[in-house]
Amino acid sequence: MEYVTAVPHPRSEAAAPTRSGRRSLAVALLCGALGAAGALLATRQRWSEGTATVAGGAFPLTARGSDVTGVPAALAIVGLAALVAVFAVRGAGRLAVAALLALSGAGIAAAALVGASDSSALDAKAAQATGDTSATVAALSHTGWPYVAAVGGVLILSAGLLALRYGRLWPAMSGRYERGADRPRRKPRPVDPERPEEIWKALDRGEDPTGA
């Protein structure tokens, strides 16, 4: 009994990296955009709340993410810029931008997790409300928004890792223009000086009808 070994078609083997590049590109763009949007949104929300004792009563205090730390919002903008820039460069430049994208995501996640239990922002507000620099916030509680920012950072980190792994398969925005610049210019068509219509057509094409 004879066995026939299936030989993979060369065309299918060549198409596999292209499919991987397209899938990774789509996933990276989705992760990067969602991560940056989530991190920016989370920093505008309330991260912690508590009270300060003022004139014998409890004064409510709240702190948004931007009050706790400005790192996630700043790095989210850096991540968005890196996500766009990764298509404008090639080779070592693309690897460097992809690494910056990954580091931005890691920084967002780390800063958000640290800020999830931070009380310094509310302590500062308590001192301002009471006029006592040693005052601290009471009944401190935290929301889940810092963890939303952390998830956004993880998504941006994932986009950066995908760019590091598959970025060499992704297209570059400048490729079309580079091909256009390398294309040889066509020689002007010969123009019969005795036929005015040919002279006008040459001028419309941007050519010199005198051949100079």
N, C-alpha and C. Protein backbone atom coordinates (compact mmCIF):
# COMPACT_ATOMS: atom_id res chain seq x y z
N MET A 1 0.85 -1.19 0.00
CA MET A 1 0.00 0.00 0.00
C MET A 1 0.88 1.24 0.00
N GLU A 2 0.62 2.14 -0.93
CA GLU A 2 1.44 3.33 -1.06
C GLU A 2 0.80 4.49 -0.31
N TYR A 3 1.67 5.30 0.32
CA TYR A 3 1.22 6.48 1.05
C TYR A 3 1.67 7.72 0.28
N VAL A 4 0.79 8.64 0.16
CA VAL A 4 1.10 9.88 -0.55
C VAL A 4 1.30 10.98 0.47
N THR A 5 2.44 11.61 0.43
CA THR A 5 2.75 12.70 1.36
C THR A 5 2.31 14.02 0.75
N ALA A 6 1.49 14.74 1.49
CA ALA A 6 1.00 16.03 1.02
C ALA A 6 2.11 17.08 1.12
N VAL A 7 2.37 17.72 0.05
CA VAL A 7 3.40 18.77 0.01
C VAL A 7 2.72 20.13 0.07
N PRO A 8 3.05 20.97 1.06
CA PRO A 8 2.41 22.28 1.15
C PRO A 8 2.70 23.14 -0.07
N HIS A 9 1.68 23.82 -0.53
CA HIS A 9 1.82 24.67 -1.71
C HIS A 9 2.68 25.88 -1.35
N PRO A 10 3.66 26.23 -2.20
CA PRO A 10 4.53 27.38 -1.90
C PRO A 10 3.74 28.68 -1.71
N ARG A 11 2.66 28.82 -2.47
CA ARG A 11 1.89 30.06 -2.36
C ARG A 11 1.22 30.18 -1.01
N SER A 12 0.71 29.04 -0.47
CA SER A 12 0.08 29.09 0.85
C SER A 12 1.09 29.38 1.94
N GLU A 13 2.33 28.86 1.76
CA GLU A 13 3.37 29.14 2.75
C GLU A 13 3.75 30.62 2.72
N ALA A 14 3.78 31.21 1.56
CA ALA A 14 4.14 32.62 1.45
C ALA A 14 3.04 33.52 2.00
N ALA A 15 1.78 33.04 1.91
CA ALA A 15 0.66 33.87 2.38
C ALA A 15 0.51 33.83 3.89
N ALA A 16 1.08 32.81 4.55
CA ALA A 16 0.91 32.68 6.00
C ALA A 16 1.48 33.88 6.76
N PRO A 17 2.70 34.34 6.48
CA PRO A 17 3.19 35.54 7.19
C PRO A 17 2.33 36.77 6.94
N THR A 18 1.78 36.89 5.73
CA THR A 18 0.94 38.04 5.43
C THR A 18 -0.32 38.03 6.27
N ARG A 19 -0.94 36.84 6.41
CA ARG A 19 -2.15 36.72 7.24
C ARG A 19 -1.82 37.02 8.70
N SER A 20 -0.68 36.51 9.18
CA SER A 20 -0.28 36.78 10.56
C SER A 20 -0.05 38.27 10.78
N GLY A 21 0.57 38.91 9.80
CA GLY A 21 0.81 40.35 9.92
C GLY A 21 -0.48 41.14 9.97
N ARG A 22 -1.44 40.76 9.14
CA ARG A 22 -2.71 41.48 9.13
C ARG A 22 -3.48 41.29 10.43
N ARG A 23 -3.51 40.05 10.91
CA ARG A 23 -4.23 39.78 12.16
C ARG A 23 -3.58 40.51 13.32
N SER A 24 -2.25 40.42 13.42
CA SER A 24 -1.56 41.09 14.53
C SER A 24 -1.72 42.60 14.44
N LEU A 25 -1.73 43.15 13.23
CA LEU A 25 -1.90 44.59 13.05
C LEU A 25 -3.28 45.02 13.55
N ALA A 26 -4.31 44.26 13.17
CA ALA A 26 -5.67 44.61 13.61
C ALA A 26 -5.80 44.52 15.12
N VAL A 27 -5.23 43.47 15.71
CA VAL A 27 -5.32 43.30 17.17
C VAL A 27 -4.55 44.40 17.89
N ALA A 28 -3.36 44.74 17.38
CA ALA A 28 -2.55 45.78 18.01
C ALA A 28 -3.24 47.14 17.95
N LEU A 29 -3.83 47.47 16.81
CA LEU A 29 -4.55 48.74 16.70
C LEU A 29 -5.73 48.78 17.66
N LEU A 30 -6.48 47.68 17.75
CA LEU A 30 -7.62 47.63 18.64
C LEU A 30 -7.19 47.75 20.10
N CYS A 31 -6.17 46.99 20.47
CA CYS A 31 -5.68 47.04 21.86
C CYS A 31 -5.14 48.42 22.21
N GLY A 32 -4.35 48.99 21.31
CA GLY A 32 -3.77 50.30 21.58
C GLY A 32 -4.82 51.39 21.71
N ALA A 33 -5.80 51.40 20.81
CA ALA A 33 -6.83 52.43 20.85
C ALA A 33 -7.72 52.28 22.08
N LEU A 34 -8.16 51.04 22.35
CA LEU A 34 -9.00 50.81 23.52
C LEU A 34 -8.25 51.09 24.82
N GLY A 35 -6.98 50.69 24.87
CA GLY A 35 -6.19 50.91 26.07
C GLY A 35 -5.99 52.38 26.37
N ALA A 36 -5.66 53.16 25.34
CA ALA A 36 -5.46 54.59 25.55
C ALA A 36 -6.76 55.28 25.94
N ALA A 37 -7.87 54.91 25.26
CA ALA A 37 -9.15 55.51 25.60
C ALA A 37 -9.57 55.16 27.03
N GLY A 38 -9.38 53.89 27.41
CA GLY A 38 -9.73 53.48 28.76
C GLY A 38 -8.90 54.18 29.83
N ALA A 39 -7.61 54.32 29.58
CA ALA A 39 -6.75 54.98 30.56
C ALA A 39 -7.09 56.46 30.70
N LEU A 40 -7.33 57.12 29.57
CA LEU A 40 -7.68 58.54 29.63
C LEU A 40 -9.03 58.76 30.31
N LEU A 41 -9.99 57.89 30.01
CA LEU A 41 -11.30 58.00 30.64
C LEU A 41 -11.21 57.76 32.14
N ALA A 42 -10.43 56.75 32.53
CA ALA A 42 -10.34 56.41 33.95
C ALA A 42 -9.71 57.52 34.77
N THR A 43 -8.76 58.24 34.20
CA THR A 43 -8.09 59.29 34.98
C THR A 43 -9.02 60.47 35.25
N ARG A 44 -10.12 60.57 34.54
CA ARG A 44 -11.07 61.66 34.77
C ARG A 44 -12.17 61.27 35.76
N GLN A 45 -12.14 60.05 36.23
CA GLN A 45 -13.17 59.57 37.14
C GLN A 45 -12.69 59.64 38.60
N ARG A 46 -13.62 59.39 39.51
CA ARG A 46 -13.30 59.43 40.94
C ARG A 46 -12.58 58.15 41.35
N TRP A 47 -11.39 58.30 41.92
CA TRP A 47 -10.61 57.14 42.34
C TRP A 47 -10.76 56.87 43.84
N SER A 48 -10.95 57.92 44.62
CA SER A 48 -11.05 57.73 46.07
C SER A 48 -11.96 58.79 46.66
N GLU A 49 -12.46 58.51 47.84
CA GLU A 49 -13.32 59.46 48.54
C GLU A 49 -13.16 59.27 50.04
N GLY A 50 -13.50 60.30 50.80
CA GLY A 50 -13.39 60.26 52.25
C GLY A 50 -13.99 61.51 52.86
N THR A 51 -13.66 61.77 54.09
CA THR A 51 -14.20 62.94 54.78
C THR A 51 -13.10 63.63 55.57
N ALA A 52 -13.34 64.91 55.83
CA ALA A 52 -12.46 65.70 56.69
C ALA A 52 -13.34 66.38 57.74
N THR A 53 -12.85 66.46 58.95
CA THR A 53 -13.61 67.08 60.03
C THR A 53 -13.40 68.58 60.01
N VAL A 54 -14.50 69.31 59.75
CA VAL A 54 -14.45 70.77 59.66
C VAL A 54 -15.54 71.33 60.56
N ALA A 55 -15.19 72.13 61.56
CA ALA A 55 -16.13 72.79 62.47
C ALA A 55 -17.08 71.77 63.10
N GLY A 56 -16.53 70.65 63.50
CA GLY A 56 -17.34 69.64 64.17
C GLY A 56 -18.16 68.77 63.25
N GLY A 57 -18.09 68.99 61.95
CA GLY A 57 -18.85 68.19 61.00
C GLY A 57 -17.94 67.49 60.00
N ALA A 58 -18.51 66.54 59.26
CA ALA A 58 -17.76 65.78 58.25
C ALA A 58 -17.93 66.44 56.89
N PHE A 59 -16.82 66.79 56.29
CA PHE A 59 -16.82 67.44 54.97
C PHE A 59 -16.38 66.39 53.94
N PRO A 60 -17.25 66.09 52.94
CA PRO A 60 -16.90 65.05 51.96
C PRO A 60 -15.79 65.51 51.02
N LEU A 61 -14.89 64.59 50.71
CA LEU A 61 -13.79 64.85 49.80
C LEU A 61 -13.73 63.76 48.74
N THR A 62 -13.39 64.14 47.55
CA THR A 62 -13.20 63.17 46.47
C THR A 62 -11.93 63.51 45.70
N ALA A 63 -11.32 62.51 45.11
CA ALA A 63 -10.11 62.70 44.30
C ALA A 63 -10.26 61.94 43.00
N ARG A 64 -10.07 62.64 41.90
CA ARG A 64 -10.08 61.98 40.60
C ARG A 64 -8.71 61.37 40.32
N GLY A 65 -8.67 60.58 39.26
CA GLY A 65 -7.41 59.96 38.90
C GLY A 65 -6.32 60.96 38.61
N SER A 66 -6.68 62.07 37.95
CA SER A 66 -5.69 63.10 37.65
C SER A 66 -5.18 63.79 38.90
N ASP A 67 -5.99 63.76 39.99
CA ASP A 67 -5.52 64.32 41.26
C ASP A 67 -4.51 63.40 41.93
N VAL A 68 -4.68 62.10 41.72
CA VAL A 68 -3.81 61.11 42.36
C VAL A 68 -2.47 61.03 41.64
N THR A 69 -2.51 60.90 40.32
CA THR A 69 -1.29 60.78 39.53
C THR A 69 -1.56 61.21 38.10
N GLY A 70 -0.61 61.92 37.52
CA GLY A 70 -0.75 62.34 36.13
C GLY A 70 -0.04 61.42 35.16
N VAL A 71 0.56 60.34 35.68
CA VAL A 71 1.35 59.43 34.84
C VAL A 71 0.48 58.68 33.82
N PRO A 72 -0.65 58.06 34.22
CA PRO A 72 -1.42 57.30 33.23
C PRO A 72 -1.89 58.13 32.04
N ALA A 73 -2.40 59.34 32.30
CA ALA A 73 -2.88 60.18 31.19
C ALA A 73 -1.72 60.57 30.26
N ALA A 74 -0.59 60.95 30.85
CA ALA A 74 0.56 61.35 30.03
C ALA A 74 1.08 60.19 29.19
N LEU A 75 1.19 59.02 29.80
CA LEU A 75 1.69 57.87 29.06
C LEU A 75 0.68 57.35 28.04
N ALA A 76 -0.61 57.57 28.29
CA ALA A 76 -1.62 57.17 27.30
C ALA A 76 -1.45 57.99 26.02
N ILE A 77 -1.15 59.27 26.17
CA ILE A 77 -0.91 60.12 25.00
C ILE A 77 0.38 59.69 24.29
N VAL A 78 1.40 59.37 25.07
CA VAL A 78 2.64 58.87 24.48
C VAL A 78 2.39 57.57 23.73
N GLY A 79 1.57 56.69 24.32
CA GLY A 79 1.26 55.43 23.67
C GLY A 79 0.52 55.62 22.36
N LEU A 80 -0.44 56.55 22.33
CA LEU A 80 -1.15 56.83 21.09
C LEU A 80 -0.19 57.34 20.02
N ALA A 81 0.69 58.24 20.41
CA ALA A 81 1.67 58.77 19.45
C ALA A 81 2.58 57.66 18.93
N ALA A 82 3.00 56.78 19.81
CA ALA A 82 3.86 55.67 19.40
C ALA A 82 3.12 54.71 18.49
N LEU A 83 1.82 54.49 18.76
CA LEU A 83 1.02 53.58 17.93
C LEU A 83 0.93 54.09 16.50
N VAL A 84 0.83 55.41 16.34
CA VAL A 84 0.79 55.99 15.00
C VAL A 84 2.19 55.99 14.38
N ALA A 85 3.19 56.33 15.19
CA ALA A 85 4.55 56.45 14.67
C ALA A 85 5.13 55.12 14.23
N VAL A 86 4.62 54.01 14.77
CA VAL A 86 5.19 52.72 14.41
C VAL A 86 4.99 52.41 12.93
N PHE A 87 4.01 53.07 12.27
CA PHE A 87 3.79 52.85 10.85
C PHE A 87 4.60 53.81 9.98
N ALA A 88 5.20 54.79 10.60
CA ALA A 88 5.96 55.78 9.83
C ALA A 88 7.44 55.44 9.74
N VAL A 89 7.88 54.42 10.47
CA VAL A 89 9.29 54.05 10.48
C VAL A 89 9.44 52.58 10.15
N ARG A 90 10.66 52.19 9.87
CA ARG A 90 10.96 50.79 9.55
C ARG A 90 12.22 50.34 10.28
N GLY A 91 12.47 49.05 10.24
CA GLY A 91 13.71 48.51 10.77
C GLY A 91 13.89 48.78 12.24
N ALA A 92 15.09 49.27 12.59
CA ALA A 92 15.42 49.53 13.99
C ALA A 92 14.54 50.61 14.59
N GLY A 93 14.15 51.59 13.77
CA GLY A 93 13.26 52.65 14.25
C GLY A 93 11.93 52.11 14.69
N ARG A 94 11.39 51.14 13.94
CA ARG A 94 10.11 50.54 14.32
C ARG A 94 10.23 49.76 15.61
N LEU A 95 11.34 49.07 15.79
CA LEU A 95 11.55 48.33 17.04
C LEU A 95 11.62 49.28 18.24
N ALA A 96 12.30 50.42 18.05
CA ALA A 96 12.42 51.39 19.14
C ALA A 96 11.06 51.98 19.51
N VAL A 97 10.26 52.31 18.50
CA VAL A 97 8.93 52.88 18.77
C VAL A 97 8.03 51.83 19.41
N ALA A 98 8.13 50.57 18.95
CA ALA A 98 7.34 49.50 19.54
C ALA A 98 7.71 49.29 21.01
N ALA A 99 9.00 49.39 21.31
CA ALA A 99 9.44 49.27 22.70
C ALA A 99 8.89 50.41 23.54
N LEU A 100 8.87 51.62 22.98
CA LEU A 100 8.29 52.76 23.69
C LEU A 100 6.81 52.54 23.95
N LEU A 101 6.11 51.98 22.98
CA LEU A 101 4.69 51.67 23.14
C LEU A 101 4.47 50.68 24.28
N ALA A 102 5.29 49.63 24.31
CA ALA A 102 5.16 48.64 25.38
C ALA A 102 5.49 49.23 26.74
N LEU A 103 6.54 50.04 26.82
CA LEU A 103 6.91 50.65 28.09
C LEU A 103 5.85 51.63 28.57
N SER A 104 5.18 52.32 27.65
CA SER A 104 4.10 53.23 28.04
C SER A 104 2.98 52.46 28.71
N GLY A 105 2.62 51.32 28.12
CA GLY A 105 1.57 50.51 28.72
C GLY A 105 1.95 49.98 30.09
N ALA A 106 3.18 49.53 30.21
CA ALA A 106 3.65 49.02 31.51
C ALA A 106 3.65 50.13 32.56
N GLY A 107 4.05 51.34 32.16
CA GLY A 107 4.07 52.46 33.09
C GLY A 107 2.67 52.85 33.54
N ILE A 108 1.71 52.81 32.62
CA ILE A 108 0.32 53.13 32.97
C ILE A 108 -0.21 52.12 33.99
N ALA A 109 0.01 50.85 33.72
CA ALA A 109 -0.49 49.81 34.63
C ALA A 109 0.14 49.95 36.02
N ALA A 110 1.45 50.17 36.07
CA ALA A 110 2.13 50.29 37.36
C ALA A 110 1.64 51.51 38.14
N ALA A 111 1.53 52.66 37.47
CA ALA A 111 1.10 53.88 38.15
C ALA A 111 -0.35 53.75 38.64
N ALA A 112 -1.19 53.11 37.85
CA ALA A 112 -2.59 52.96 38.24
C ALA A 112 -2.72 52.04 39.46
N LEU A 113 -1.96 50.96 39.48
CA LEU A 113 -2.03 50.04 40.61
C LEU A 113 -1.50 50.69 41.89
N VAL A 114 -0.46 51.49 41.76
CA VAL A 114 0.05 52.22 42.93
C VAL A 114 -0.99 53.22 43.42
N GLY A 115 -1.64 53.90 42.49
CA GLY A 115 -2.63 54.90 42.86
C GLY A 115 -3.92 54.33 43.39
N ALA A 116 -4.14 53.03 43.19
CA ALA A 116 -5.38 52.42 43.66
C ALA A 116 -5.53 52.46 45.17
N SER A 117 -4.43 52.52 45.89
CA SER A 117 -4.48 52.57 47.36
C SER A 117 -3.89 53.86 47.91
N ASP A 118 -3.72 54.86 47.05
CA ASP A 118 -3.08 56.12 47.48
C ASP A 118 -4.07 56.99 48.26
N SER A 119 -3.58 57.64 49.28
CA SER A 119 -4.41 58.55 50.08
C SER A 119 -3.83 59.96 50.14
N SER A 120 -2.67 60.18 49.53
CA SER A 120 -2.00 61.48 49.64
C SER A 120 -2.82 62.60 49.02
N ALA A 121 -3.53 62.32 47.92
CA ALA A 121 -4.32 63.36 47.28
C ALA A 121 -5.44 63.84 48.19
N LEU A 122 -6.11 62.89 48.85
CA LEU A 122 -7.18 63.28 49.77
C LEU A 122 -6.63 63.90 51.04
N ASP A 123 -5.48 63.46 51.49
CA ASP A 123 -4.86 64.08 52.67
C ASP A 123 -4.55 65.55 52.39
N ALA A 124 -4.08 65.84 51.18
CA ALA A 124 -3.79 67.23 50.81
C ALA A 124 -5.07 68.05 50.78
N LYS A 125 -6.14 67.46 50.30
CA LYS A 125 -7.42 68.18 50.27
C LYS A 125 -7.97 68.37 51.68
N ALA A 126 -7.76 67.37 52.54
CA ALA A 126 -8.21 67.50 53.93
C ALA A 126 -7.45 68.62 54.64
N ALA A 127 -6.15 68.71 54.40
CA ALA A 127 -5.36 69.78 55.01
C ALA A 127 -5.80 71.15 54.50
N GLN A 128 -6.15 71.22 53.22
CA GLN A 128 -6.60 72.48 52.66
C GLN A 128 -7.97 72.88 53.21
N ALA A 129 -8.86 71.89 53.38
CA ALA A 129 -10.22 72.18 53.86
C ALA A 129 -10.23 72.59 55.32
N THR A 130 -9.38 71.98 56.11
CA THR A 130 -9.37 72.26 57.55
C THR A 130 -8.40 73.38 57.94
N GLY A 131 -7.46 73.69 57.07
CA GLY A 131 -6.44 74.67 57.41
C GLY A 131 -5.38 74.12 58.32
N ASP A 132 -5.39 72.80 58.51
CA ASP A 132 -4.42 72.12 59.37
C ASP A 132 -3.53 71.26 58.49
N THR A 133 -2.26 71.57 58.41
CA THR A 133 -1.36 70.83 57.52
C THR A 133 -1.16 69.38 57.95
N SER A 134 -1.49 69.07 59.19
CA SER A 134 -1.32 67.68 59.66
C SER A 134 -2.61 66.88 59.55
N ALA A 135 -3.67 67.47 59.04
CA ALA A 135 -4.95 66.76 58.93
C ALA A 135 -4.87 65.67 57.88
N THR A 136 -5.58 64.59 58.11
CA THR A 136 -5.65 63.48 57.16
C THR A 136 -7.11 63.13 56.91
N VAL A 137 -7.32 62.44 55.82
CA VAL A 137 -8.68 62.07 55.44
C VAL A 137 -9.17 60.93 56.31
N ALA A 138 -10.48 60.92 56.58
CA ALA A 138 -11.10 59.85 57.35
C ALA A 138 -12.09 59.11 56.46
N ALA A 139 -12.45 57.90 56.87
CA ALA A 139 -13.41 57.07 56.12
C ALA A 139 -13.00 56.93 54.66
N LEU A 140 -11.73 56.63 54.45
CA LEU A 140 -11.18 56.55 53.10
C LEU A 140 -11.69 55.30 52.38
N SER A 141 -12.09 55.46 51.13
CA SER A 141 -12.50 54.32 50.29
C SER A 141 -12.05 54.59 48.86
N HIS A 142 -11.92 53.51 48.09
CA HIS A 142 -11.45 53.62 46.70
C HIS A 142 -12.46 52.99 45.75
N THR A 143 -12.45 53.45 44.53
CA THR A 143 -13.32 52.91 43.49
C THR A 143 -12.54 51.95 42.60
N GLY A 144 -13.20 51.44 41.60
CA GLY A 144 -12.54 50.50 40.70
C GLY A 144 -11.90 51.14 39.48
N TRP A 145 -11.98 52.46 39.37
CA TRP A 145 -11.43 53.12 38.18
C TRP A 145 -9.92 52.98 38.04
N PRO A 146 -9.15 52.94 39.13
CA PRO A 146 -7.70 52.71 38.93
C PRO A 146 -7.41 51.40 38.21
N TYR A 147 -8.23 50.40 38.45
CA TYR A 147 -8.01 49.11 37.80
C TYR A 147 -8.42 49.15 36.33
N VAL A 148 -9.39 50.02 36.01
CA VAL A 148 -9.73 50.23 34.59
C VAL A 148 -8.52 50.83 33.87
N ALA A 149 -7.89 51.80 34.51
CA ALA A 149 -6.68 52.39 33.92
C ALA A 149 -5.57 51.35 33.78
N ALA A 150 -5.46 50.48 34.78
CA ALA A 150 -4.43 49.43 34.72
C ALA A 150 -4.70 48.47 33.55
N VAL A 151 -5.96 48.13 33.34
CA VAL A 151 -6.31 47.26 32.20
C VAL A 151 -5.98 47.96 30.89
N GLY A 152 -6.25 49.28 30.82
CA GLY A 152 -5.86 50.03 29.63
C GLY A 152 -4.37 49.97 29.39
N GLY A 153 -3.59 50.07 30.46
CA GLY A 153 -2.14 49.95 30.31
C GLY A 153 -1.71 48.58 29.81
N VAL A 154 -2.38 47.54 30.29
CA VAL A 154 -2.06 46.18 29.83
C VAL A 154 -2.38 46.04 28.34
N LEU A 155 -3.47 46.65 27.89
CA LEU A 155 -3.81 46.59 26.46
C LEU A 155 -2.76 47.29 25.62
N ILE A 156 -2.30 48.45 26.08
CA ILE A 156 -1.25 49.16 25.34
C ILE A 156 0.05 48.35 25.36
N LEU A 157 0.35 47.74 26.49
CA LEU A 157 1.52 46.87 26.57
C LEU A 157 1.41 45.73 25.58
N SER A 158 0.23 45.14 25.45
CA SER A 158 0.02 44.05 24.48
C SER A 158 0.24 44.53 23.06
N ALA A 159 -0.24 45.75 22.76
CA ALA A 159 -0.02 46.31 21.42
C ALA A 159 1.47 46.49 21.14
N GLY A 160 2.21 46.93 22.14
CA GLY A 160 3.65 47.09 21.97
C GLY A 160 4.36 45.77 21.75
N LEU A 161 3.95 44.75 22.49
CA LEU A 161 4.57 43.43 22.33
C LEU A 161 4.25 42.85 20.95
N LEU A 162 3.03 43.07 20.47
CA LEU A 162 2.68 42.61 19.13
C LEU A 162 3.51 43.35 18.08
N ALA A 163 3.74 44.64 18.30
CA ALA A 163 4.56 45.40 17.35
C ALA A 163 6.00 44.91 17.35
N LEU A 164 6.50 44.54 18.52
CA LEU A 164 7.86 44.00 18.59
C LEU A 164 7.96 42.65 17.88
N ARG A 165 6.92 41.84 18.01
CA ARG A 165 6.96 40.49 17.44
C ARG A 165 6.63 40.47 15.95
N TYR A 166 5.62 41.22 15.53
CA TYR A 166 5.15 41.14 14.15
C TYR A 166 5.32 42.44 13.36
N GLY A 167 5.93 43.45 13.97
CA GLY A 167 6.02 44.75 13.30
C GLY A 167 6.73 44.71 11.96
N ARG A 168 7.65 43.78 11.81
CA ARG A 168 8.39 43.70 10.54
C ARG A 168 7.47 43.31 9.38
N LEU A 169 6.29 42.72 9.69
CA LEU A 169 5.35 42.31 8.66
C LEU A 169 4.33 43.39 8.35
N TRP A 170 4.36 44.47 9.10
CA TRP A 170 3.35 45.51 8.92
C TRP A 170 3.79 46.49 7.84
N PRO A 171 2.83 47.10 7.15
CA PRO A 171 3.21 48.10 6.13
C PRO A 171 3.64 49.40 6.77
N ALA A 172 4.30 50.23 5.99
CA ALA A 172 4.73 51.55 6.44
C ALA A 172 4.01 52.61 5.62
N MET A 173 3.61 53.71 6.26
CA MET A 173 2.88 54.75 5.56
C MET A 173 3.70 55.38 4.46
N SER A 174 5.02 55.40 4.62
CA SER A 174 5.86 56.09 3.65
C SER A 174 6.20 55.21 2.44
N GLY A 175 5.79 53.95 2.44
CA GLY A 175 6.18 53.05 1.37
C GLY A 175 5.70 53.50 0.01
N ARG A 176 4.43 53.94 -0.06
CA ARG A 176 3.89 54.34 -1.36
C ARG A 176 4.63 55.53 -1.92
N TYR A 177 4.96 56.49 -1.03
CA TYR A 177 5.64 57.68 -1.51
C TYR A 177 7.08 57.37 -1.92
N GLU A 178 7.71 56.43 -1.20
CA GLU A 178 9.07 56.06 -1.58
C GLU A 178 9.09 55.39 -2.94
N ARG A 179 8.08 54.53 -3.21
CA ARG A 179 8.02 53.88 -4.52
C ARG A 179 7.79 54.91 -5.62
N GLY A 180 6.96 55.92 -5.29
CA GLY A 180 6.71 56.96 -6.28
C GLY A 180 7.95 57.78 -6.57
N ALA A 181 8.75 57.99 -5.54
CA ALA A 181 9.97 58.79 -5.74
C ALA A 181 11.00 58.03 -6.55
N ASP A 182 11.01 56.68 -6.40
CA ASP A 182 12.00 55.88 -7.11
C ASP A 182 11.60 55.60 -8.55
N ARG A 183 10.36 55.89 -8.91
CA ARG A 183 9.89 55.57 -10.26
C ARG A 183 10.55 56.50 -11.26
N PRO A 184 11.14 55.97 -12.34
CA PRO A 184 11.80 56.84 -13.32
C PRO A 184 10.80 57.73 -14.04
N ARG A 185 11.22 58.95 -14.33
CA ARG A 185 10.36 59.88 -15.03
C ARG A 185 10.27 59.52 -16.51
N ARG A 186 9.04 59.67 -17.04
CA ARG A 186 8.86 59.39 -18.46
C ARG A 186 9.46 60.51 -19.31
N LYS A 187 10.00 60.12 -20.44
CA LYS A 187 10.56 61.10 -21.34
C LYS A 187 9.43 61.84 -22.06
N PRO A 188 9.59 63.14 -22.28
CA PRO A 188 8.55 63.91 -22.99
C PRO A 188 8.34 63.36 -24.40
N ARG A 189 7.07 63.35 -24.78
CA ARG A 189 6.78 62.91 -26.14
C ARG A 189 7.28 63.96 -27.14
N PRO A 190 7.73 63.50 -28.31
CA PRO A 190 8.16 64.46 -29.33
C PRO A 190 6.97 65.30 -29.81
N VAL A 191 7.20 66.59 -29.97
CA VAL A 191 6.14 67.52 -30.36
C VAL A 191 6.48 68.12 -31.72
N ASP A 192 5.49 68.11 -32.61
CA ASP A 192 5.66 68.72 -33.92
C ASP A 192 5.42 70.21 -33.81
N PRO A 193 6.44 71.05 -33.99
CA PRO A 193 6.26 72.50 -33.83
C PRO A 193 5.29 73.10 -34.84
N GLU A 194 4.97 72.36 -35.89
CA GLU A 194 4.04 72.87 -36.89
C GLU A 194 2.58 72.61 -36.48
N ARG A 195 2.37 71.88 -35.36
CA ARG A 195 0.99 71.57 -34.95
C ARG A 195 0.75 72.18 -33.58
N PRO A 196 0.06 73.30 -33.52
CA PRO A 196 -0.18 74.01 -32.24
C PRO A 196 -0.90 73.15 -31.21
N GLU A 197 -1.80 72.25 -31.67
CA GLU A 197 -2.55 71.45 -30.70
C GLU A 197 -1.63 70.53 -29.89
N GLU A 198 -0.55 70.03 -30.53
CA GLU A 198 0.40 69.19 -29.80
C GLU A 198 1.19 70.00 -28.78
N ILE A 199 1.49 71.25 -29.13
CA ILE A 199 2.20 72.12 -28.19
C ILE A 199 1.35 72.35 -26.94
N TRP A 200 0.03 72.62 -27.15
CA TRP A 200 -0.84 72.85 -26.00
C TRP A 200 -0.98 71.58 -25.16
N LYS A 201 -1.08 70.43 -25.79
CA LYS A 201 -1.17 69.18 -25.03
C LYS A 201 0.09 68.94 -24.20
N ALA A 202 1.26 69.28 -24.76
CA ALA A 202 2.50 69.11 -24.01
C ALA A 202 2.54 70.04 -22.81
N LEU A 203 2.06 71.26 -23.00
CA LEU A 203 2.02 72.20 -21.88
C LEU A 203 1.06 71.72 -20.79
N ASP A 204 -0.08 71.11 -21.19
CA ASP A 204 -1.03 70.57 -20.22
C ASP A 204 -0.42 69.43 -19.42
N ARG A 205 0.47 68.64 -20.04
CA ARG A 205 1.12 67.53 -19.34
C ARG A 205 2.28 68.04 -18.49
N GLY A 206 2.61 69.31 -18.52
CA GLY A 206 3.73 69.84 -17.76
C GLY A 206 5.06 69.63 -18.45
N GLU A 207 5.05 69.42 -19.74
CA GLU A 207 6.28 69.18 -20.48
C GLU A 207 6.69 70.43 -21.24
N ASP A 208 7.98 70.47 -21.55
CA ASP A 208 8.51 71.59 -22.32
C ASP A 208 8.43 71.22 -23.79
N PRO A 209 7.57 71.87 -24.58
CA PRO A 209 7.44 71.49 -25.99
C PRO A 209 8.68 71.76 -26.82
N THR A 210 9.58 72.58 -26.29
CA THR A 210 10.81 72.85 -27.06
C THR A 210 11.84 71.74 -26.90
N GLY A 211 11.60 70.84 -25.89
CA GLY A 211 12.54 69.75 -25.66
C GLY A 211 13.79 70.16 -24.94
N ALA A 212 13.83 71.38 -24.38
CA ALA A 212 15.02 71.88 -23.68
C ALA A 212 15.13 71.27 -22.30
